C-alpha atoms as a PDB file:
ATOM      1  CA  MET A   1      58.523 140.168  72.068  1.00  0.00           C
ATOM      2  CA  ALA A   2      57.163 142.968  74.226  1.00  0.00           C
ATOM      3  CA  VAL A   3      54.298 142.503  76.677  1.00  0.00           C
ATOM      4  CA  GLY A   4      51.933 144.462  74.410  1.00  0.00           C
ATOM      5  CA  ASP A   5      52.672 142.165  71.477  1.00  0.00           C
ATOM      6  CA  CYS A   6      51.318 139.195  73.456  1.00  0.00           C
ATOM      7  CA  SER A   7      47.964 140.781  74.331  1.00  0.00           C
ATOM      8  CA  ARG A   8      46.282 138.915  71.468  1.00  0.00           C
ATOM      9  CA  LEU A   9      47.346 135.568  72.956  1.00  0.00           C
ATOM     10  CA  VAL A  10      45.918 136.453  76.364  1.00  0.00           C
ATOM     11  CA  GLU A  11      42.682 137.688  74.752  1.00  0.00           C
ATOM     12  CA  LYS A  12      42.279 134.418  72.838  1.00  0.00           C
ATOM     13  CA  ILE A  13      42.576 132.374  76.024  1.00  0.00           C
ATOM     14  CA  VAL A  14      40.123 134.596  77.931  1.00  0.00           C
ATOM     15  CA  LEU A  15      37.593 134.459  75.058  1.00  0.00           C
ATOM     16  CA  ARG A  16      37.784 130.655  74.993  1.00  0.00           C
ATOM     17  CA  ILE A  17      37.111 130.498  78.745  1.00  0.00           C
ATOM     18  CA  ARG A  18      34.182 132.915  78.593  1.00  0.00           C
ATOM     19  CA  GLY A  19      32.728 130.878  75.744  1.00  0.00           C
ATOM     20  CA  TRP A  20      32.805 127.814  78.014  1.00  0.00           C
ATOM     21  CA  GLY A  21      31.378 129.694  81.003  1.00  0.00           C
ATOM     22  CA  ALA A  22      27.785 128.549  80.433  1.00  0.00           C
ATOM     23  CA  ARG A  23      28.794 124.869  80.727  1.00  0.00           C
ATOM     24  CA  LYS A  24      28.709 123.368  84.193  1.00  0.00           C
ATOM     25  CA  LEU A  25      31.727 121.067  84.052  1.00  0.00           C
ATOM     26  CA  SER A  26      33.371 118.927  86.704  1.00  0.00           C
ATOM     27  CA  TYR A  27      37.022 119.281  87.686  1.00  0.00           C
ATOM     28  CA  ALA A  28      37.801 116.436  85.274  1.00  0.00           C
ATOM     29  CA  GLY A  29      36.067 118.227  82.377  1.00  0.00           C
ATOM     30  CA  MET A  30      37.815 121.538  83.040  1.00  0.00           C
ATOM     31  CA  LEU A  31      41.139 119.714  83.354  1.00  0.00           C
ATOM     32  CA  VAL A  32      40.689 118.215  79.875  1.00  0.00           C
ATOM     33  CA  LEU A  33      39.930 121.653  78.388  1.00  0.00           C
ATOM     34  CA  VAL A  34      42.965 123.237  80.061  1.00  0.00           C
ATOM     35  CA  GLN A  35      45.238 120.460  78.789  1.00  0.00           C
ATOM     36  CA  ALA A  36      43.766 120.104  75.294  1.00  0.00           C
ATOM     37  CA  VAL A  37      42.978 123.722  74.380  1.00  0.00           C
ATOM     38  CA  LEU A  38      44.457 126.386  76.662  1.00  0.00           C
ATOM     39  CA  SER A  39      47.867 124.764  77.024  1.00  0.00           C
ATOM     40  CA  GLN A  40      48.091 124.181  73.252  1.00  0.00           C
ATOM     41  CA  LEU A  41      47.378 127.849  72.491  1.00  0.00           C
ATOM     42  CA  HIS A  42      50.363 129.203  74.385  1.00  0.00           C
ATOM     43  CA  SER A  43      52.540 126.147  73.576  1.00  0.00           C
ATOM     44  CA  PHE A  44      52.409 127.085  69.871  1.00  0.00           C
ATOM     45  CA  TRP A  45      53.581 130.628  70.588  1.00  0.00           C
ATOM     46  CA  THR A  46      56.389 129.504  72.891  1.00  0.00           C
ATOM     47  CA  ARG A  47      57.842 127.291  70.152  1.00  0.00           C
ATOM     48  CA  ILE A  48      58.534 130.394  68.058  1.00  0.00           C
ATOM     49  CA  PHE A  49      58.867 133.412  70.353  1.00  0.00           C
ATOM     50  CA  ILE A  50      60.404 134.304  73.689  1.00  0.00           C
ATOM     51  CA  ILE A  51      57.292 135.124  75.727  1.00  0.00           C
ATOM     52  CA  PRO A  52      57.841 137.678  78.541  1.00  0.00           C
ATOM     53  CA  ALA A  53      57.693 136.236  82.048  1.00  0.00           C
ATOM     54  CA  THR A  54      54.840 138.579  83.045  1.00  0.00           C
ATOM     55  CA  VAL A  55      52.712 137.270  80.156  1.00  0.00           C
ATOM     56  CA  MET A  56      53.405 133.618  81.071  1.00  0.00           C
ATOM     57  CA  ASP A  57      52.510 134.384  84.696  1.00  0.00           C
ATOM     58  CA  ARG A  58      49.223 135.891  83.489  1.00  0.00           C
ATOM     59  CA  ILE A  59      48.467 132.827  81.302  1.00  0.00           C
ATOM     60  CA  ASN A  60      49.253 130.438  84.170  1.00  0.00           C
ATOM     61  CA  HIS A  61      47.009 132.537  86.421  1.00  0.00           C
ATOM     62  CA  ILE A  62      44.104 132.349  83.924  1.00  0.00           C
ATOM     63  CA  CYS A  63      44.489 128.567  83.448  1.00  0.00           C
ATOM     64  CA  ARG A  64      44.614 128.059  87.216  1.00  0.00           C
ATOM     65  CA  ASN A  65      41.463 130.165  87.695  1.00  0.00           C
ATOM     66  CA  TYR A  66      39.544 128.182  85.071  1.00  0.00           C
ATOM     67  CA  LEU A  67      40.607 124.833  86.501  1.00  0.00           C
ATOM     68  CA  TRP A  68      39.299 125.623  89.994  1.00  0.00           C
ATOM     69  CA  CYS A  69      36.264 127.844  89.352  1.00  0.00           C
ATOM     70  CA  GLY A  70      35.381 127.681  85.630  1.00  0.00           C
ATOM     71  CA  SER A  71      36.128 131.346  84.799  1.00  0.00           C
ATOM     72  CA  ASP A  72      39.109 133.613  84.227  1.00  0.00           C
ATOM     73  CA  GLU A  73      38.539 135.407  87.556  1.00  0.00           C
ATOM     74  CA  PHE A  74      39.049 133.652  90.886  1.00  0.00           C
ATOM     75  CA  HIS A  75      39.474 135.447  94.212  1.00  0.00           C
ATOM     76  CA  LYS A  76      39.933 132.497  96.560  1.00  0.00           C
ATOM     77  CA  THR A  77      42.972 130.488  97.545  1.00  0.00           C
ATOM     78  CA  PRO A  78      43.360 127.495  95.157  1.00  0.00           C
ATOM     79  CA  PRO A  79      43.147 124.089  96.912  1.00  0.00           C
ATOM     80  CA  VAL A  80      46.488 122.918  95.428  1.00  0.00           C
ATOM     81  CA  ALA A  81      49.573 124.942  94.489  1.00  0.00           C
ATOM     82  CA  TRP A  82      49.988 125.503  90.731  1.00  0.00           C
ATOM     83  CA  ASP A  83      53.526 124.057  90.719  1.00  0.00           C
ATOM     84  CA  ARG A  84      52.094 120.836  92.185  1.00  0.00           C
ATOM     85  CA  VAL A  85      49.299 120.754  89.583  1.00  0.00           C
ATOM     86  CA  CYS A  86      51.834 121.194  86.755  1.00  0.00           C
ATOM     87  CA  THR A  87      53.946 118.277  87.954  1.00  0.00           C
ATOM     88  CA  ALA A  88      53.922 115.295  85.590  1.00  0.00           C
ATOM     89  CA  LYS A  89      51.262 112.651  86.276  1.00  0.00           C
ATOM     90  CA  LYS A  90      53.816 109.955  87.059  1.00  0.00           C
ATOM     91  CA  TYR A  91      55.241 112.173  89.813  1.00  0.00           C
ATOM     92  CA  GLY A  92      51.895 112.875  91.504  1.00  0.00           C
ATOM     93  CA  GLY A  93      50.622 115.947  89.602  1.00  0.00           C
ATOM     94  CA  LEU A  94      47.943 116.492  86.950  1.00  0.00           C
ATOM     95  CA  GLY A  95      50.339 116.931  84.020  1.00  0.00           C
ATOM     96  CA  ILE A  96      49.281 120.434  82.948  1.00  0.00           C
ATOM     97  CA  VAL A  97      51.944 122.199  80.893  1.00  0.00           C
ATOM     98  CA  ASN A  98      53.575 125.031  82.817  1.00  0.00           C
ATOM     99  CA  GLY A  99      54.015 127.755  80.219  1.00  0.00           C
ATOM    100  CA  LYS A 100      57.221 129.110  81.706  1.00  0.00           C
ATOM    101  CA  ASN A 101      58.924 125.719  81.795  1.00  0.00           C
ATOM    102  CA  TRP A 102      57.705 124.815  78.306  1.00  0.00           C
ATOM    103  CA  ASN A 103      59.000 128.086  76.858  1.00  0.00           C
ATOM    104  CA  MET A 104      62.396 127.472  78.462  1.00  0.00           C
ATOM    105  CA  ALA A 105      62.527 123.903  77.126  1.00  0.00           C
ATOM    106  CA  MET A 106      61.778 124.992  73.545  1.00  0.00           C
ATOM    107  CA  LEU A 107      64.385 127.715  73.589  1.00  0.00           C
ATOM    108  CA  GLY A 108      66.846 125.290  75.170  1.00  0.00           C
ATOM    109  CA  ASN A 109      66.715 123.244  71.955  1.00  0.00           C
ATOM    110  CA  TRP A 110      67.929 126.254  70.028  1.00  0.00           C
ATOM    111  CA  THR A 111      70.605 127.788  72.203  1.00  0.00           C
ATOM    112  CA  TRP A 112      73.291 126.298  74.389  1.00  0.00           C
ATOM    113  CA  ARG A 113      73.034 129.234  76.762  1.00  0.00           C
ATOM    114  CA  LYS A 114      69.517 128.258  77.745  1.00  0.00           C
ATOM    115  CA  ILE A 115      70.633 124.676  78.394  1.00  0.00           C
ATOM    116  CA  CYS A 116      73.303 125.999  80.758  1.00  0.00           C
ATOM    117  CA  GLN A 117      70.683 128.054  82.627  1.00  0.00           C
ATOM    118  CA  VAL A 118      68.321 125.125  83.216  1.00  0.00           C
ATOM    119  CA  LYS A 119      70.945 122.543  84.211  1.00  0.00           C
ATOM    120  CA  ASP A 120      70.926 123.727  87.841  1.00  0.00           C
ATOM    121  CA  ILE A 121      67.132 123.389  87.883  1.00  0.00           C
ATOM    122  CA  LEU A 122      67.344 119.791  86.663  1.00  0.00           C
ATOM    123  CA  LYS A 123      70.282 118.832  88.874  1.00  0.00           C
ATOM    124  CA  PRO A 124      68.270 117.833  92.034  1.00  0.00           C
ATOM    125  CA  GLY A 125      66.457 115.119  90.032  1.00  0.00           C
ATOM    126  CA  TYR A 126      69.717 113.411  89.011  1.00  0.00           C
ATOM    127  CA  CYS A 127      71.525 111.420  91.679  1.00  0.00           C
ATOM    128  CA  GLN A 128      74.253 108.744  91.515  1.00  0.00           C
ATOM    129  CA  GLY A 129      74.201 108.527  87.751  1.00  0.00           C
ATOM    130  CA  LYS A 130      70.444 108.085  87.292  1.00  0.00           C
ATOM    131  CA  TRP A 131      67.204 110.044  87.378  1.00  0.00           C
ATOM    132  CA  SER A 132      64.964 109.759  90.441  1.00  0.00           C
ATOM    133  CA  THR A 133      61.795 107.671  90.046  1.00  0.00           C
ATOM    134  CA  ASN A 134      58.199 108.164  91.152  1.00  0.00           C
ATOM    135  CA  ALA A 135      58.222 105.277  93.666  1.00  0.00           C
ATOM    136  CA  GLY A 136      55.536 105.766  96.288  1.00  0.00           C
ATOM    137  CA  VAL A 137      53.772 108.608  94.438  1.00  0.00           C
ATOM    138  CA  TYR A 138      50.134 108.323  93.327  1.00  0.00           C
ATOM    139  CA  THR A 139      49.565 108.900  89.620  1.00  0.00           C
ATOM    140  CA  VAL A 140      46.191 109.919  88.218  1.00  0.00           C
ATOM    141  CA  SER A 141      46.947 107.941  85.040  1.00  0.00           C
ATOM    142  CA  VAL A 142      46.037 104.496  86.451  1.00  0.00           C
ATOM    143  CA  GLY A 143      44.252 102.868  83.522  1.00  0.00           C
ATOM    144  CA  LEU A 144      41.137 101.561  85.298  1.00  0.00           C
ATOM    145  CA  ASN A 145      40.313 104.863  87.047  1.00  0.00           C
ATOM    146  CA  LEU A 146      37.432 106.998  85.853  1.00  0.00           C
ATOM    147  CA  PRO A 147      38.553 110.654  85.489  1.00  0.00           C
ATOM    148  CA  LYS A 148      36.244 111.813  88.306  1.00  0.00           C
ATOM    149  CA  HIS A 149      37.650 109.111  90.615  1.00  0.00           C
ATOM    150  CA  SER A 150      41.200 110.186  89.777  1.00  0.00           C
ATOM    151  CA  ILE A 151      40.569 113.860  90.532  1.00  0.00           C
ATOM    152  CA  ILE A 152      38.726 113.294  93.833  1.00  0.00           C
ATOM    153  CA  GLY A 153      41.269 110.660  94.889  1.00  0.00           C
ATOM    154  CA  TRP A 154      44.135 112.990  94.031  1.00  0.00           C
ATOM    155  CA  LEU A 155      42.589 115.838  96.061  1.00  0.00           C
ATOM    156  CA  ALA A 156      42.053 113.425  98.976  1.00  0.00           C
ATOM    157  CA  ILE A 157      45.729 112.392  98.913  1.00  0.00           C
ATOM    158  CA  GLN A 158      46.692 116.081  98.958  1.00  0.00           C
ATOM    159  CA  CYS A 159      44.215 116.619 101.885  1.00  0.00           C
ATOM    160  CA  ARG A 160      42.509 119.326  99.847  1.00  0.00           C
ATOM    161  CA  LEU A 161      38.898 118.141  99.795  1.00  0.00           C
ATOM    162  CA  LEU A 162      36.628 120.823 101.241  1.00  0.00           C
ATOM    163  CA  THR A 163      35.905 119.017 104.499  1.00  0.00           C
ATOM    164  CA  LYS A 164      34.259 120.904 107.343  1.00  0.00           C
ATOM    165  CA  ASP A 165      37.479 121.486 109.270  1.00  0.00           C
ATOM    166  CA  ARG A 166      38.815 123.484 106.292  1.00  0.00           C
ATOM    167  CA  LEU A 167      35.519 125.358 105.885  1.00  0.00           C
ATOM    168  CA  LEU A 168      35.664 126.276 109.582  1.00  0.00           C
ATOM    169  CA  ARG A 169      39.202 127.558 109.124  1.00  0.00           C
ATOM    170  CA  PHE A 170      37.962 129.843 106.325  1.00  0.00           C
ATOM    171  CA  ASN A 171      34.952 130.981 108.471  1.00  0.00           C
ATOM    172  CA  ILE A 172      32.513 129.671 105.843  1.00  0.00           C
ATOM    173  CA  ILE A 173      30.475 127.519 108.280  1.00  0.00           C
ATOM    174  CA  SER A 174      29.968 127.446 112.048  1.00  0.00           C
ATOM    175  CA  ASP A 175      29.161 123.732 112.612  1.00  0.00           C
ATOM    176  CA  GLY A 176      32.032 121.359 111.936  1.00  0.00           C
ATOM    177  CA  TYR A 177      30.521 118.047 113.048  1.00  0.00           C
ATOM    178  CA  CYS A 178      30.316 115.143 110.593  1.00  0.00           C
ATOM    179  CA  ASP A 179      26.837 114.981 109.008  1.00  0.00           C
ATOM    180  CA  MET A 180      26.888 111.164 108.789  1.00  0.00           C
ATOM    181  CA  CYS A 181      27.733 110.312 112.411  1.00  0.00           C
ATOM    182  CA  LEU A 182      27.281 113.645 114.285  1.00  0.00           C
ATOM    183  CA  ASP A 183      29.883 112.773 116.922  1.00  0.00           C
ATOM    184  CA  HIS A 184      33.208 114.062 115.600  1.00  0.00           C
ATOM    185  CA  LEU A 185      34.766 117.010 113.758  1.00  0.00           C
ATOM    186  CA  GLU A 186      34.796 116.269 110.032  1.00  0.00           C
ATOM    187  CA  ASP A 187      38.390 116.234 108.790  1.00  0.00           C
ATOM    188  CA  HIS A 188      40.046 114.098 106.112  1.00  0.00           C
ATOM    189  CA  ASN A 189      41.044 111.331 108.496  1.00  0.00           C
ATOM    190  CA  HIS A 190      37.601 111.085 110.102  1.00  0.00           C
ATOM    191  CA  LEU A 191      35.582 111.354 106.880  1.00  0.00           C
ATOM    192  CA  LEU A 192      37.592 108.783 104.931  1.00  0.00           C
ATOM    193  CA  TYR A 193      38.500 106.284 107.682  1.00  0.00           C
ATOM    194  CA  LYS A 194      37.071 106.858 111.185  1.00  0.00           C
ATOM    195  CA  CYS A 195      33.417 107.661 110.482  1.00  0.00           C
ATOM    196  CA  ARG A 196      31.083 104.695 111.052  1.00  0.00           C
ATOM    197  CA  PHE A 197      29.853 104.962 107.456  1.00  0.00           C
ATOM    198  CA  SER A 198      33.311 104.966 105.843  1.00  0.00           C
ATOM    199  CA  ALA A 199      34.660 102.264 108.196  1.00  0.00           C
ATOM    200  CA  CYS A 200      31.778  99.979 107.198  1.00  0.00           C
ATOM    201  CA  CYS A 201      32.406 100.744 103.502  1.00  0.00           C
ATOM    202  CA  TRP A 202      36.075  99.779 103.775  1.00  0.00           C
ATOM    203  CA  ARG A 203      35.210  96.496 105.529  1.00  0.00           C
ATOM    204  CA  LEU A 204      32.757  95.578 102.777  1.00  0.00           C
ATOM    205  CA  LEU A 205      35.218  96.568 100.062  1.00  0.00           C
ATOM    206  CA  ALA A 206      37.997  94.507 101.664  1.00  0.00           C
ATOM    207  CA  ASP A 207      35.663  91.484 101.723  1.00  0.00           C
ATOM    208  CA  TRP A 208      34.850  92.007  98.040  1.00  0.00           C
ATOM    209  CA  LEU A 209      38.526  92.364  97.082  1.00  0.00           C
ATOM    210  CA  ASN A 210      39.489  89.492  99.421  1.00  0.00           C
ATOM    211  CA  ILE A 211      42.433  91.482 100.815  1.00  0.00           C
ATOM    212  CA  THR A 212      43.283  93.027 104.190  1.00  0.00           C
ATOM    213  CA  LEU A 213      43.129  96.817 104.364  1.00  0.00           C
ATOM    214  CA  PRO A 214      44.637  98.922 107.183  1.00  0.00           C
ATOM    215  CA  ASP A 215      42.330 100.773 109.583  1.00  0.00           C
ATOM    216  CA  THR A 216      43.572 104.203 108.493  1.00  0.00           C
ATOM    217  CA  ASP A 217      45.601 105.961 105.791  1.00  0.00           C
ATOM    218  CA  ILE A 218      44.404 103.484 103.152  1.00  0.00           C
ATOM    219  CA  LEU A 219      45.256 105.860 100.303  1.00  0.00           C
ATOM    220  CA  ASN A 220      48.962 106.037 101.144  1.00  0.00           C
ATOM    221  CA  TRP A 221      48.962 102.303 101.853  1.00  0.00           C
ATOM    222  CA  CYS A 222      47.728 101.475  98.354  1.00  0.00           C
ATOM    223  CA  ILE A 223      50.410 103.715  96.818  1.00  0.00           C
ATOM    224  CA  ARG A 224      53.199 101.850  98.639  1.00  0.00           C
ATOM    225  CA  TRP A 225      51.591  98.404  98.323  1.00  0.00           C
ATOM    226  CA  ARG A 226      53.798  95.908  96.512  1.00  0.00           C
ATOM    227  CA  CYS A 227      52.120  93.286  94.335  1.00  0.00           C
ATOM    228  CA  ARG A 228      53.598  90.867  91.810  1.00  0.00           C
ATOM    229  CA  SER A 229      50.592  91.228  89.517  1.00  0.00           C
ATOM    230  CA  LEU A 230      50.352  94.682  87.932  1.00  0.00           C
ATOM    231  CA  MET A 231      46.769  93.939  86.926  1.00  0.00           C
ATOM    232  CA  LYS A 232      45.788  93.123  90.516  1.00  0.00           C
ATOM    233  CA  LYS A 233      47.436  96.331  91.738  1.00  0.00           C
ATOM    234  CA  HIS A 234      45.465  98.336  89.159  1.00  0.00           C
ATOM    235  CA  ILE A 235      42.205  96.720  90.264  1.00  0.00           C
ATOM    236  CA  VAL A 236      42.842  97.371  93.967  1.00  0.00           C
ATOM    237  CA  ILE A 237      43.920 100.991  93.434  1.00  0.00           C
ATOM    238  CA  SER A 238      40.933 101.661  91.177  1.00  0.00           C
ATOM    239  CA  ALA A 239      38.548 100.094  93.712  1.00  0.00           C
ATOM    240  CA  ILE A 240      40.000 102.239  96.516  1.00  0.00           C
ATOM    241  CA  MET A 241      39.742 105.437  94.445  1.00  0.00           C
ATOM    242  CA  ALA A 242      36.172 104.545  93.459  1.00  0.00           C
ATOM    243  CA  MET A 243      35.381 104.009  97.149  1.00  0.00           C
ATOM    244  CA  VAL A 244      36.834 107.412  98.076  1.00  0.00           C
ATOM    245  CA  TYR A 245      34.609 108.972  95.406  1.00  0.00           C
ATOM    246  CA  GLN A 246      31.535 107.138  96.734  1.00  0.00           C
ATOM    247  CA  ILE A 247      32.276 108.241 100.326  1.00  0.00           C
ATOM    248  CA  TRP A 248      32.663 111.844  99.199  1.00  0.00           C
ATOM    249  CA  THR A 249      29.425 111.621  97.165  1.00  0.00           C
ATOM    250  CA  ALA A 250      27.535 110.087 100.110  1.00  0.00           C
ATOM    251  CA  ARG A 251      28.838 112.844 102.395  1.00  0.00           C
ATOM    252  CA  ASN A 252      27.568 115.529  99.985  1.00  0.00           C
ATOM    253  CA  ILE A 253      24.162 113.847  99.624  1.00  0.00           C
ATOM    254  CA  CYS A 254      23.841 113.678 103.412  1.00  0.00           C
ATOM    255  CA  ARG A 255      24.829 117.309 103.817  1.00  0.00           C
ATOM    256  CA  VAL A 256      22.765 118.803 100.962  1.00  0.00           C
ATOM    257  CA  ASP A 257      19.717 116.505 100.771  1.00  0.00           C
ATOM    258  CA  ASN A 258      19.761 115.240 104.380  1.00  0.00           C
ATOM    259  CA  LYS A 259      19.607 111.637 103.085  1.00  0.00           C
ATOM    260  CA  MET A 260      21.795 108.802 104.332  1.00  0.00           C
ATOM    261  CA  VAL A 261      23.311 106.425 101.768  1.00  0.00           C
ATOM    262  CA  HIS A 262      23.608 102.790 102.861  1.00  0.00           C
ATOM    263  CA  PRO A 263      27.227 101.500 102.902  1.00  0.00           C
ATOM    264  CA  LYS A 264      26.279  98.440 100.804  1.00  0.00           C
ATOM    265  CA  PHE A 265      24.837 100.720  98.119  1.00  0.00           C
ATOM    266  CA  ALA A 266      28.052 102.791  98.004  1.00  0.00           C
ATOM    267  CA  VAL A 267      30.274  99.695  97.826  1.00  0.00           C
ATOM    268  CA  ASN A 268      28.107  98.109  95.125  1.00  0.00           C
ATOM    269  CA  ASN A 269      28.396 101.290  93.033  1.00  0.00           C
ATOM    270  CA  ALA A 270      32.189 101.339  93.422  1.00  0.00           C
ATOM    271  CA  ALA A 271      32.462  97.627  92.589  1.00  0.00           C
ATOM    272  CA  ALA A 272      30.228  97.969  89.524  1.00  0.00           C
ATOM    273  CA  MET A 273      32.345 100.841  88.161  1.00  0.00           C
ATOM    274  CA  VAL A 274      35.609  98.940  88.625  1.00  0.00           C
ATOM    275  CA  LYS A 275      34.136  95.774  87.112  1.00  0.00           C
ATOM    276  CA  SER A 276      32.810  97.537  84.007  1.00  0.00           C
ATOM    277  CA  ARG A 277      36.115  99.360  83.495  1.00  0.00           C
ATOM    278  CA  GLY A 278      38.103  96.173  83.996  1.00  0.00           C
ATOM    279  CA  GLN A 279      36.133  94.121  81.521  1.00  0.00           C
ATOM    280  CA  ALA A 280      36.536  96.813  78.858  1.00  0.00           C
ATOM    281  CA  TRP A 281      40.245  97.325  79.550  1.00  0.00           C
ATOM    282  CA  LYS A 282      42.878  96.550  76.894  1.00  0.00           C
ATOM    283  CA  TRP A 283      44.306  93.681  79.021  1.00  0.00           C
ATOM    284  CA  THR A 284      41.270  91.455  78.436  1.00  0.00           C
ATOM    285  CA  SER A 285      43.442  88.437  77.644  1.00  0.00           C
ATOM    286  CA  LYS A 286      45.335  88.960  80.914  1.00  0.00           C
ATOM    287  CA  PHE A 287      42.011  89.073  82.772  1.00  0.00           C
ATOM    288  CA  GLN A 288      41.170  85.659  81.392  1.00  0.00           C
ATOM    289  CA  ARG A 289      44.464  84.217  82.660  1.00  0.00           C
ATOM    290  CA  LEU A 290      44.271  85.942  86.075  1.00  0.00           C
ATOM    291  CA  HIS A 291      43.078  83.580  88.811  1.00  0.00           C
ATOM    292  CA  TRP A 292      42.429  86.369  91.328  1.00  0.00           C
ATOM    293  CA  MET A 293      39.380  88.419  90.416  1.00  0.00           C
ATOM    294  CA  PRO A 294      37.167  90.129  93.024  1.00  0.00           C
ATOM    295  CA  TRP A 295      33.992  89.447  91.063  1.00  0.00           C
ATOM    296  CA  MET A 296      34.728  85.783  90.278  1.00  0.00           C
END
């Protein structure tokens, strides 16, 4: 197919996005629309036709713009590279279908020549007779996580939350001090671990979970943490991601409304969310047999 023949596909995607423009959606909401609607539109075409690379680049560009700003036009630098976003969830990405890769995979089912072209791309993932695993990589598909907790937690792990040190780098603001303690530059490490507010939150959460948390880099610690009980690991990871979300929410309330959230209130909100998700989870029978429960 020529580039001009694919203009209808691009127009369909743009019209869908402009129809959604009036809705004020979160990152989680826009992610669902990109995965469920936009990706399916071009996936159908790529099953049948060879889509030109320039058209697939344009479609990826439009999907990326909608994910980060809610429209088909976006003139800022995205917080996370598109290749990273399109990585499978179990390998630390968001699992969005990359149109180029999907088109190549479909055509590879039909022709041996395409399989020969992609084998060098797949080769780095195969070592010593087996495929590499996702050990030590955070996945947004942890069952107990709320979607908004997963997205904010994922951005925090990538160090892509819009903290004041990043806003200073982009010359958006002139004051980079933390709004909650006023005595240190607000970066990811300070906001999530070193600030008096966040440090108090982590102490209270550790008491509730009845575990020992490190003083810093708690997110990477929970990814590498080994636990015999998969259910317990899910609960701890979900509680930590809920706490990251509450810290980020408290920071925004302090900055926008000039109101300070009490650490106990933030921890209680995080605990309530994890508890409600856990009690409704499909492993209810396993909950009943589990002796360790933070709310028991």
